[in-house]
Protein backbone atom coordinates (compact mmCIF):
# COMPACT_ATOMS: atom_id res chain seq x y z
CA MET A 1 142.72 74.37 244.60
CA ARG A 2 146.36 74.38 245.68
CA THR A 3 148.56 76.76 243.65
CA LEU A 4 151.34 75.05 241.73
CA PRO A 5 154.82 76.58 241.51
CA ASP A 6 155.27 78.74 238.43
CA ALA A 7 157.95 76.36 237.15
CA VAL A 8 155.47 73.48 237.05
CA THR A 9 152.71 75.38 235.24
CA ALA A 10 155.25 76.84 232.79
CA LEU A 11 156.55 73.33 232.07
CA LEU A 12 153.03 72.12 231.32
CA ARG A 13 152.52 75.06 228.95
CA ALA A 14 155.72 74.12 227.11
CA ALA A 15 154.85 70.43 226.91
CA ASP A 16 154.86 69.59 223.21
CA ALA A 17 157.00 67.61 220.81
CA ASP A 18 158.53 70.67 219.14
CA THR A 19 159.18 73.01 222.08
CA LEU A 20 160.05 70.80 225.05
CA LEU A 21 160.87 67.43 223.53
CA ARG A 22 162.55 68.24 220.21
CA ASP A 23 166.15 67.47 221.21
CA ALA A 24 168.65 67.89 224.05
CA ASP A 25 169.21 71.61 223.61
CA ALA A 26 165.50 72.39 223.22
CA LEU A 27 164.77 70.38 226.36
CA ALA A 28 167.35 72.22 228.45
CA ASP A 29 166.27 75.62 227.06
CA ALA A 30 162.59 74.96 227.74
CA LEU A 31 163.28 73.83 231.30
CA ALA A 32 165.45 76.90 231.95
CA ASP A 33 162.80 79.20 230.47
CA ALA A 34 160.21 77.58 232.74
CA GLY A 35 162.34 78.33 235.80
CA TRP A 36 164.10 75.02 236.42
CA ALA A 37 167.77 75.19 237.49
CA PRO A 38 170.16 72.44 236.36
CA ASP A 39 171.82 70.37 239.06
CA VAL A 40 175.35 68.95 238.85
CA GLU A 41 174.06 65.49 237.97
CA SER A 42 173.28 64.85 234.31
CA GLY A 43 169.66 65.43 233.32
CA ARG A 44 168.57 66.71 236.72
CA PHE A 45 166.87 70.05 237.41
CA SER A 46 165.04 71.50 240.42
CA ALA A 47 162.64 74.30 241.31
CA ASP A 48 160.69 75.16 244.47
CA GLY A 49 161.28 71.79 246.11
CA TRP A 50 160.30 69.84 242.99
CA ASP A 51 162.77 67.75 240.97
CA VAL A 52 163.15 66.83 237.31
CA VAL A 53 164.95 63.79 235.94
CA SER A 54 165.29 63.97 232.16
CA SER A 55 166.97 62.29 229.23
CA ALA A 56 167.65 63.36 225.65
CA TRP A 57 167.43 60.10 223.66
CA PRO A 58 164.50 60.13 223.28
CA PRO A 59 163.74 63.45 225.00
CA ASN A 60 161.60 62.95 228.10
CA VAL A 61 160.93 64.56 231.46
CA SER A 62 159.89 63.11 234.81
CA VAL A 63 158.85 65.53 237.55
CA PHE A 64 158.87 64.36 241.17
CA ARG A 65 157.55 65.93 244.34
CA ASP A 66 157.33 64.33 247.79
CA GLY A 67 156.07 65.54 251.13
CA ASP A 68 152.97 65.44 253.30
CA LEU A 69 150.40 63.01 251.87
CA LEU A 70 147.51 65.49 251.59
CA ASP A 71 149.77 68.19 250.13
CA VAL A 72 151.08 65.77 247.51
CA ARG A 73 147.54 64.78 246.57
CA ARG A 74 146.47 68.42 246.37
CA ASP A 75 149.41 69.17 244.06
CA ALA A 76 148.48 66.20 241.87
CA LEU A 77 144.88 67.41 241.69
CA SER A 78 146.10 70.89 240.78
CA ILE A 79 148.05 69.37 237.88
CA VAL A 80 144.85 67.58 236.83
CA ALA A 81 142.92 70.86 236.92
CA THR A 82 145.62 72.60 234.87
CA MET A 83 145.47 69.87 232.22
CA HIS A 84 141.66 69.75 232.15
CA ALA A 85 141.53 73.54 231.76
CA GLU A 86 142.93 73.18 228.21
CA PRO A 87 140.66 70.67 226.44
CA HIS A 88 141.77 72.11 223.09
CA ARG A 89 145.29 70.84 223.81
CA TRP A 90 144.75 67.64 225.77
CA VAL A 91 142.59 64.55 225.35
CA PHE A 92 142.04 62.76 228.64
CA ASP A 93 142.61 59.06 227.94
CA THR A 94 143.07 56.88 230.98
CA GLU A 95 142.19 53.47 232.35
CA GLY A 96 141.36 52.36 235.86
CA PRO A 97 139.76 54.47 238.60
CA ASP A 98 139.49 58.12 237.56
CA TRP A 99 140.73 59.89 240.68
CA SER A 100 140.88 63.24 238.91
CA GLY A 101 137.61 64.31 240.53
CA TRP A 102 138.34 63.14 244.07
CA SER A 103 139.19 65.42 246.96
CA ALA A 104 142.55 65.05 248.69
CA ASP A 105 140.92 63.30 251.67
CA ASP A 106 138.49 61.14 249.69
CA PRO A 107 138.36 57.65 251.30
CA ARG A 108 138.62 56.07 247.85
CA TRP A 109 142.35 56.81 247.85
CA ASP A 110 142.68 54.05 250.45
CA ASP A 111 139.95 51.75 249.15
CA GLU A 112 140.79 51.54 245.44
CA PRO A 113 144.06 50.93 243.57
CA VAL A 114 145.32 54.20 242.11
CA ASP A 115 146.68 54.05 238.59
CA TRP A 116 148.21 56.56 236.17
CA LEU A 117 146.07 59.32 234.66
CA LEU A 118 146.94 59.97 231.02
CA TRP A 119 146.54 62.79 228.51
CA ARG A 120 147.53 62.93 224.83
CA GLY A 121 148.14 65.95 222.63
CA GLN A 122 150.80 68.18 221.10
CA GLY A 123 152.71 65.08 220.00
CA VAL A 124 153.31 64.00 223.61
CA VAL A 125 151.86 61.75 226.29
CA VAL A 126 151.48 63.16 229.82
CA GLN A 127 151.05 60.73 232.71
CA LEU A 128 150.42 61.48 236.38
CA PHE A 129 150.68 59.16 239.36
CA THR A 130 150.63 59.64 243.10
CA ALA A 131 151.24 57.23 245.96
CA PRO A 132 151.39 57.19 249.77
CA ALA A 133 154.52 56.26 251.70
CA MET A 134 155.79 52.82 250.78
CA THR A 135 158.67 50.49 251.50
CA ALA A 136 161.51 50.83 248.99
CA GLY A 137 164.50 48.57 249.55
CA PRO A 138 165.90 49.07 253.05
CA GLY A 139 164.04 52.35 253.59
CA THR A 140 160.70 54.06 253.07
CA LEU A 141 159.69 56.19 250.11
CA PRO A 142 157.65 59.20 251.28
CA PRO A 143 154.29 60.17 249.77
CA HIS A 144 155.03 61.39 246.26
CA LEU A 145 153.77 62.24 242.80
CA HIS A 146 155.34 61.51 239.44
CA LEU A 147 154.51 63.57 236.34
CA ALA A 148 155.96 62.05 233.16
CA ILE A 149 156.09 63.80 229.76
CA GLU A 150 157.22 61.75 226.76
CA ARG A 151 157.06 61.99 222.99
CA GLU A 152 154.09 60.07 221.59
CA ASP A 153 156.36 58.48 218.98
CA SER A 154 158.88 57.20 221.54
CA PRO A 155 159.11 53.38 221.52
CA SER A 156 157.74 51.85 224.71
CA GLU A 157 160.94 49.86 225.17
CA GLY A 158 163.10 52.98 224.74
CA LEU A 159 165.84 53.52 222.18
CA PRO A 160 168.66 51.00 221.81
CA ARG A 161 172.20 52.03 222.65
CA ASP A 162 173.81 53.93 219.78
CA GLU A 163 177.57 53.81 220.26
CA ALA A 164 178.25 55.80 217.09
CA ARG A 165 175.96 58.59 218.34
CA ASP A 166 177.62 58.56 221.74
CA ARG A 167 181.07 58.95 220.21
CA ARG A 168 179.86 61.74 217.94
CA VAL A 169 178.20 63.58 220.85
CA ALA A 170 181.28 63.18 223.07
CA SER A 171 183.55 64.70 220.42
CA GLU A 172 181.30 67.08 218.49
CA GLY A 173 178.08 67.57 220.46
CA SER A 174 176.98 70.73 222.22
CA VAL A 175 177.76 71.24 225.90
CA VAL A 176 174.14 70.33 226.72
CA GLU A 177 174.29 67.15 224.64
CA ARG A 178 177.52 66.10 226.34
CA TRP A 179 176.01 66.83 229.77
CA PHE A 180 173.00 64.65 228.97
CA LEU A 181 175.27 61.92 227.59
CA VAL A 182 176.94 61.53 231.00
CA GLY A 183 173.68 60.21 232.44
CA GLU A 184 172.81 57.75 229.68
CA PRO A 185 172.12 54.26 231.09
CA ASP A 186 174.99 51.80 230.75
CA LEU A 187 177.39 54.39 229.35
CA PRO A 188 180.74 52.54 229.04
CA ASP A 189 183.44 53.47 231.54
CA GLU A 190 185.80 54.51 228.75
CA MET A 191 183.23 56.98 227.42
CA LEU A 192 182.66 58.35 230.93
CA ALA A 193 186.43 58.82 231.24
CA VAL A 194 186.39 60.95 228.08
CA LEU A 195 183.63 63.12 229.55
CA GLU A 196 185.50 63.46 232.86
CA GLY A 197 188.17 65.28 230.86
CA ASP A 198 185.70 67.50 229.03
CA PRO A 199 186.84 71.14 228.69
CA ASP A 200 183.47 72.40 229.93
CA GLN A 201 183.20 72.35 233.73
CA ARG A 202 179.52 71.49 233.72
CA VAL A 203 180.17 68.30 231.75
CA SER A 204 183.28 67.25 233.69
CA ALA A 205 181.54 67.88 237.03
CA ALA A 206 178.56 65.75 235.98
CA ALA A 207 180.93 63.00 234.87
CA ALA A 208 182.83 63.16 238.17
CA SER A 209 179.52 62.88 240.05
CA GLU A 210 178.52 59.88 237.96
CA ARG A 211 181.90 58.26 238.62
CA ARG A 212 181.50 58.68 242.40
CA MET A 213 178.11 57.01 242.28
CA ARG A 214 179.50 54.12 240.24
CA VAL A 215 182.26 53.41 242.73
CA GLY A 216 180.06 53.43 245.78
CA GLY A 217 178.41 56.78 246.33
CA PHE A 218 179.57 59.98 247.98
CA ASP A 219 181.85 60.24 250.97
CA ASP A 220 180.19 61.29 254.20
CA PRO A 221 181.54 64.81 254.85
CA THR A 222 180.94 64.34 258.59
CA GLY A 223 182.89 61.08 258.78
């Protein structure tokens, strides 16, 4: 079995509704304790070539890893083995072909549609998916896996926008809350402007990064 990075196994150990997914500060603390370093962009962390995209309302984590097809499959199967090794914590509850027992080069990967594997426990839902290279817009998405960890009580349609909460967080929230707020979908431009002037450099830098993406991406430093 392929050995997972320590940051990934530590994240799986912390995956519960009270430790990892309680609130924004608990989420950031648990990721840091597991060995994930925050990026400039809001909600993003990285470790050992793996990436996390996360949000705080409701708290959730998506882990991504891309690379060679067989290596990605081996990493996905190592995650499966890690989850199955703790039957007292996790109930395996999935539909569709159960690829958890396949080898990385099993021909069924190419013959059958691969769907999410799913586990429940600790107040959270853990889902795992892997896919080969595929066309995505004008380019190609490399072979990849996606590990998603969400609260079991999170609504499937997500939480509605809460403008009163956003204003409260922008003016009174912790640094971590304000950093996560920068990346909230459809955050109004006027709220982003407030966060661009935040006294904490981590928040203002994330807001500046978000602004650059909104106006057309980053300048090419070689141009």
